[in-house]
Amino acid sequence: MKFPKLHHHKNWNARDKAIFFERLELYLTSGLAIDAALKLCKVGVTKSHRVDVEALIVHTESGSLLSGGLVKYMKLSKTLAGIISHGETAGGLVSAINTVRTSIEKQEELTKKCVGAMIYPSVIGLFSIVFVLGLIRGVLPQIVPMLQGLHVKLPLLTRLMIYSSNVLVHAGLYILIILTVLIVALFITYRRNAPFRCFVQSVLCRVPLLGKLFRNFNIVIFLRSLGSLIDSGSSVFKAFSDSVFFITFLPIKKTLALRAEGLSRGLSLGNTLEKSQMEPYVVALVTAGELSGTLGVSIIRAANILDRDIEHSLKKLTSLIEPLMMICLGVVVGSIALSILMPIYDISKALQH
């Protein structure tokens, strides 16, 4: 059977994938075959996604595994595809699809929490920058000629403000172009150069509060993948190796990859995670899961607890960022006001004498 050619279009986002898997799970639960369920899933999706589902139908009708088609046509991560693959071979496809859908929804929820918590501080920060630039570039040039016409030695703060205003007026566009090019170059280097990306991520790990947030965010994704794979019947070592392989935060990936060898020699997962400097309650829950035979469930429970810790850390971070931004804005505006008032004060003081 001829497979359709791959095409380039807008990728499936997390919400689209979650809805697709929810519908697929519902149709399979009602007793439909996989090809009939996929044909129903084709209804009500966008045109580009419909092409993907049609390709997926052809893929499964040819006798190939659903998991391979999901990676090829929906860009599903190989970790989640591994859960579905195990479900297909072990006769638990519906359960595997439910696990994948839950994992996608949890990861999307965690991402939205992180992004949403930073929106307000970002808006305040952008407003502060625009406001300060407006003062320096729009207000100061109107006042500078008056201050320079006083023919007195201006205070250091005033001279600095005048210099900043002149630089922005005469070279502001060039500075903006240079900064834009520099940011784009750094972004491209970050995406394509693994050592540079590892260096940047290592620096981020050392930033107070923010570093722990980045680290825990990626650990939650790792734990959910690990717990889901183990819960679907995968061996601990294979689940650990597959979950580590798809970690994007390189410092954590390197740390966990070094511990995989000990796991292959019979070291317990609890000890492996303890040596990877995981949170103590994560290690305790994993160890309890190993002893009770509910390892997959215990790991997912640990990920949920760590998820709540991230939410508390986000609230703490945003509660600190907002007053710090206000203080910085107040210092800058106050400095501009002082740079204008100090020469006038000095002249009035001299006239009194």
Foldseek 3Di string as FASTA:
>chain_A
DDADDDDDDDADALVNLLVLLVQLLVVVVVPDDNLVSLVVSLPPDDPLVNSLSVNLSVCVVVPHASLVSCCVRRVDAVLLSLLCVLCVVVVNNSVSSVLSSVLSVVLVVLVCLLVVLCPVLVVLLVVLVVVLCCCLQPVVVVCVVVLVVVPDDADPLLVVSVVVNVCCNPCVVVVVVVVVVVVVVLVVCLVPPVVSVLVVLVVQLPPPLRNVLVVLSLVLSLLSSLLSSVVSPHDNLVSLVSSLVPRPNPVLSVLLVVLSVVVVVPDQPLVSVVSSVDDPVLSVLQVVCVVVVNNSVSSNVSSVVSSVVSSVSSVVVSVVSVVVSVVVSCVSVVSSVCSSVVSVVVVVVVVVD
